[in-house]
C-alpha atoms as a PDB file:
ATOM      1  CA  UNK A   1       0.000   0.000   0.000  1.00  0.00           C
ATOM      2  CA  UNK A   2       2.844   2.383   0.812  1.00  0.00           C
ATOM      3  CA  UNK A   3       4.442   1.727  -2.589  1.00  0.00           C
ATOM      4  CA  UNK A   4       1.115   2.484  -4.306  1.00  0.00           C
ATOM      5  CA  UNK A   5       0.751   5.787  -2.435  1.00  0.00           C
ATOM      6  CA  UNK A   6       4.328   6.756  -3.231  1.00  0.00           C
ATOM      7  CA  UNK A   7       3.870   6.005  -6.937  1.00  0.00           C
ATOM      8  CA  UNK A   8       0.652   8.026  -7.023  1.00  0.00           C
ATOM      9  CA  UNK A   9       2.301  10.955  -5.269  1.00  0.00           C
ATOM     10  CA  UNK A  10       4.964  10.955  -7.984  1.00  0.00           C
ATOM     11  CA  UNK A  11       2.442  10.619 -10.836  1.00  0.00           C
ATOM     12  CA  UNK A  12       1.646  14.225 -11.762  1.00  0.00           C
ATOM     13  CA  UNK A  13      -1.447  13.366 -13.775  1.00  0.00           C
ATOM     14  CA  UNK A  14      -2.950  10.769 -11.380  1.00  0.00           C
ATOM     15  CA  UNK A  15      -6.054  12.875 -10.680  1.00  0.00           C
ATOM     16  CA  UNK A  16      -6.632  13.615 -14.375  1.00  0.00           C
ATOM     17  CA  UNK A  17      -6.250   9.932 -15.302  1.00  0.00           C
ATOM     18  CA  UNK A  18      -8.671   8.990 -12.524  1.00  0.00           C
ATOM     19  CA  UNK A  19     -11.276  11.478 -13.768  1.00  0.00           C
ATOM     20  CA  UNK A  20     -10.977  10.267 -17.352  1.00  0.00           C
ATOM     21  CA  UNK A  21     -11.091   6.589 -16.339  1.00  0.00           C
ATOM     22  CA  UNK A  22     -14.309   7.200 -14.398  1.00  0.00           C
ATOM     23  CA  UNK A  23     -15.871   8.944 -17.397  1.00  0.00           C
ATOM     24  CA  UNK A  24     -15.243   5.969 -19.706  1.00  0.00           C
ATOM     25  CA  UNK A  25     -15.949   3.373 -17.022  1.00  0.00           C
ATOM     26  CA  UNK A  26     -12.630   1.563 -16.705  1.00  0.00           C
ATOM     27  CA  UNK A  27     -10.726   0.813 -13.472  1.00  0.00           C
ATOM     28  CA  UNK A  28      -8.504   3.708 -12.487  1.00  0.00           C
ATOM     29  CA  UNK A  29      -5.833   1.412 -11.079  1.00  0.00           C
ATOM     30  CA  UNK A  30      -5.483  -0.339 -14.431  1.00  0.00           C
ATOM     31  CA  UNK A  31      -5.071   3.012 -16.205  1.00  0.00           C
ATOM     32  CA  UNK A  32      -2.476   4.165 -13.663  1.00  0.00           C
ATOM     33  CA  UNK A  33      -0.600   0.886 -14.040  1.00  0.00           C
ATOM     34  CA  UNK A  34      -0.430   1.084 -17.837  1.00  0.00           C
ATOM     35  CA  UNK A  35       0.610   4.757 -17.686  1.00  0.00           C
ATOM     36  CA  UNK A  36       3.384   3.969 -15.230  1.00  0.00           C
ATOM     37  CA  UNK A  37       4.725   0.978 -17.162  1.00  0.00           C
ATOM     38  CA  UNK A  38       4.585   2.822 -20.495  1.00  0.00           C
ATOM     39  CA  UNK A  39       6.196   6.127 -19.546  1.00  0.00           C
ATOM     40  CA  UNK A  40       6.806   6.251 -15.784  1.00  0.00           C
ATOM     41  CA  UNK A  41       6.037   9.897 -15.016  1.00  0.00           C
ATOM     42  CA  UNK A  42       7.055  11.401 -18.337  1.00  0.00           C
ATOM     43  CA  UNK A  43       4.108  13.443 -19.608  1.00  0.00           C
ATOM     44  CA  UNK A  44       5.799  14.690 -22.756  1.00  0.00           C
ATOM     45  CA  UNK A  45       3.596  14.203 -25.790  1.00  0.00           C
ATOM     46  CA  UNK A  46       6.812  13.848 -27.796  1.00  0.00           C
ATOM     47  CA  UNK A  47       8.073  10.824 -25.850  1.00  0.00           C
ATOM     48  CA  UNK A  48       9.052   8.173 -28.393  1.00  0.00           C
ATOM     49  CA  UNK A  49       9.343   4.402 -28.054  1.00  0.00           C
ATOM     50  CA  UNK A  50      11.678   2.111 -29.961  1.00  0.00           C
ATOM     51  CA  UNK A  51       8.903   0.974 -32.331  1.00  0.00           C
ATOM     52  CA  UNK A  52       7.648   4.505 -33.031  1.00  0.00           C
ATOM     53  CA  UNK A  53       5.109   4.725 -30.197  1.00  0.00           C
ATOM     54  CA  UNK A  54       4.377   8.221 -28.915  1.00  0.00           C
ATOM     55  CA  UNK A  55       3.192   9.990 -25.791  1.00  0.00           C
ATOM     56  CA  UNK A  56       2.123   9.037 -22.291  1.00  0.00           C
ATOM     57  CA  UNK A  57       0.542   5.737 -23.340  1.00  0.00           C
ATOM     58  CA  UNK A  58       3.063   4.920 -26.099  1.00  0.00           C
ATOM     59  CA  UNK A  59       0.520   4.602 -28.917  1.00  0.00           C
ATOM     60  CA  UNK A  60       1.685   3.815 -32.432  1.00  0.00           C
ATOM     61  CA  UNK A  61       0.475   6.419 -34.949  1.00  0.00           C
ATOM     62  CA  UNK A  62      -0.705   3.612 -37.259  1.00  0.00           C
ATOM     63  CA  UNK A  63      -2.882   2.204 -34.452  1.00  0.00           C
ATOM     64  CA  UNK A  64      -4.270   5.655 -33.694  1.00  0.00           C
ATOM     65  CA  UNK A  65      -5.171   6.235 -37.351  1.00  0.00           C
ATOM     66  CA  UNK A  66      -7.114   2.973 -37.335  1.00  0.00           C
ATOM     67  CA  UNK A  67      -8.731   3.037 -33.885  1.00  0.00           C
ATOM     68  CA  UNK A  68      -8.797   6.705 -32.788  1.00  0.00           C
ATOM     69  CA  UNK A  69      -9.884   8.580 -35.875  1.00  0.00           C
ATOM     70  CA  UNK A  70      -9.804  12.335 -35.327  1.00  0.00           C
ATOM     71  CA  UNK A  71      -7.888  12.198 -32.027  1.00  0.00           C
ATOM     72  CA  UNK A  72      -4.507  13.946 -31.872  1.00  0.00           C
ATOM     73  CA  UNK A  73      -2.222  11.539 -30.007  1.00  0.00           C
ATOM     74  CA  UNK A  74       0.584  14.133 -30.042  1.00  0.00           C
ATOM     75  CA  UNK A  75      -0.966  15.911 -27.039  1.00  0.00           C
ATOM     76  CA  UNK A  76      -1.199  14.556 -23.485  1.00  0.00           C
ATOM     77  CA  UNK A  77      -5.000  14.819 -23.499  1.00  0.00           C
ATOM     78  CA  UNK A  78      -5.333  13.301 -26.965  1.00  0.00           C
ATOM     79  CA  UNK A  79      -2.959  10.463 -26.151  1.00  0.00           C
ATOM     80  CA  UNK A  80      -4.929   9.729 -22.990  1.00  0.00           C
ATOM     81  CA  UNK A  81      -8.247   9.946 -24.850  1.00  0.00           C
ATOM     82  CA  UNK A  82      -7.076   7.532 -27.537  1.00  0.00           C
ATOM     83  CA  UNK A  83      -5.753   5.052 -24.977  1.00  0.00           C
ATOM     84  CA  UNK A  84      -8.973   5.161 -22.963  1.00  0.00           C
ATOM     85  CA  UNK A  85     -11.105   4.799 -26.090  1.00  0.00           C
ATOM     86  CA  UNK A  86      -9.224   1.653 -27.120  1.00  0.00           C
ATOM     87  CA  UNK A  87      -8.866   0.314 -23.569  1.00  0.00           C
ATOM     88  CA  UNK A  88     -12.564   0.695 -22.763  1.00  0.00           C
ATOM     89  CA  UNK A  89     -13.574  -1.065 -25.985  1.00  0.00           C
ATOM     90  CA  UNK A  90     -11.125  -3.917 -25.403  1.00  0.00           C
ATOM     91  CA  UNK A  91     -12.039  -4.246 -21.705  1.00  0.00           C
ATOM     92  CA  UNK A  92     -15.743  -4.435 -22.550  1.00  0.00           C
ATOM     93  CA  UNK A  93     -15.177  -7.048 -25.240  1.00  0.00           C
ATOM     94  CA  UNK A  94     -12.440  -9.122 -23.590  1.00  0.00           C
ATOM     95  CA  UNK A  95     -11.861  -8.113 -19.943  1.00  0.00           C
ATOM     96  CA  UNK A  96      -9.140  -6.059 -18.270  1.00  0.00           C
ATOM     97  CA  UNK A  97      -6.189  -8.504 -18.560  1.00  0.00           C
ATOM     98  CA  UNK A  98      -6.818  -8.991 -22.282  1.00  0.00           C
ATOM     99  CA  UNK A  99      -7.265  -5.222 -22.789  1.00  0.00           C
ATOM    100  CA  UNK A 100      -3.879  -4.628 -21.174  1.00  0.00           C
ATOM    101  CA  UNK A 101      -2.269  -7.218 -23.464  1.00  0.00           C
ATOM    102  CA  UNK A 102      -3.968  -5.805 -26.536  1.00  0.00           C
ATOM    103  CA  UNK A 103      -2.539  -2.380 -25.702  1.00  0.00           C
ATOM    104  CA  UNK A 104       0.867  -3.971 -26.154  1.00  0.00           C
ATOM    105  CA  UNK A 105      -0.248  -5.818 -29.293  1.00  0.00           C
ATOM    106  CA  UNK A 106      -0.153  -9.287 -27.779  1.00  0.00           C
ATOM    107  CA  UNK A 107      -2.568 -12.134 -27.192  1.00  0.00           C
ATOM    108  CA  UNK A 108      -3.193 -12.907 -23.519  1.00  0.00           C
ATOM    109  CA  UNK A 109      -1.433 -16.283 -23.627  1.00  0.00           C
ATOM    110  CA  UNK A 110       1.840 -14.597 -24.707  1.00  0.00           C
ATOM    111  CA  UNK A 111       1.525 -11.542 -22.525  1.00  0.00           C
ATOM    112  CA  UNK A 112       4.192 -11.108 -19.880  1.00  0.00           C
ATOM    113  CA  UNK A 113       3.571  -7.364 -20.352  1.00  0.00           C
ATOM    114  CA  UNK A 114       0.084  -7.710 -18.855  1.00  0.00           C
ATOM    115  CA  UNK A 115       1.430  -9.569 -15.853  1.00  0.00           C
ATOM    116  CA  UNK A 116       4.074  -6.857 -15.344  1.00  0.00           C
ATOM    117  CA  UNK A 117       1.408  -4.127 -15.479  1.00  0.00           C
ATOM    118  CA  UNK A 118      -0.846  -5.905 -13.005  1.00  0.00           C
ATOM    119  CA  UNK A 119       2.049  -6.760 -10.684  1.00  0.00           C
ATOM    120  CA  UNK A 120       3.186  -3.133 -10.705  1.00  0.00           C
ATOM    121  CA  UNK A 121       0.041  -2.220  -8.816  1.00  0.00           C
ATOM    122  CA  UNK A 122      -0.322  -5.486  -6.866  1.00  0.00           C
ATOM    123  CA  UNK A 123      -3.647  -6.053  -8.568  1.00  0.00           C
ATOM    124  CA  UNK A 124      -3.832  -9.813  -8.199  1.00  0.00           C
ATOM    125  CA  UNK A 125      -7.632 -10.016  -8.300  1.00  0.00           C
ATOM    126  CA  UNK A 126      -7.844  -9.477 -12.076  1.00  0.00           C
ATOM    127  CA  UNK A 127      -5.060 -11.838 -13.125  1.00  0.00           C
ATOM    128  CA  UNK A 128      -6.136 -14.977 -14.954  1.00  0.00           C
END
């Protein structure tokens, strides 16, 4: 619990992510966990991953063009909106663990990423 509180204290956009997660109806802790694993506390919309991912939630521009039409992922708010749009759809269709894996482009059975995200926040109750 202390680790969770410390991580939240260091996450400058924790309140914003919570508000947006509530609006779309996904678990805040899952959103915080993905944000932390993807970019720690770097809020720069220009953050780049090795495979060309951008922003807080490390979204590939090609994925955004396909799944987040009209959303500018090059801003913090747009990157968050795109992630939540995709995450909510995947969570509704497949559940939280699968939605986390799909964010990383993997099927659940090959998804160590999902286990890392869930373990980051000690969220054992949603593991499968």
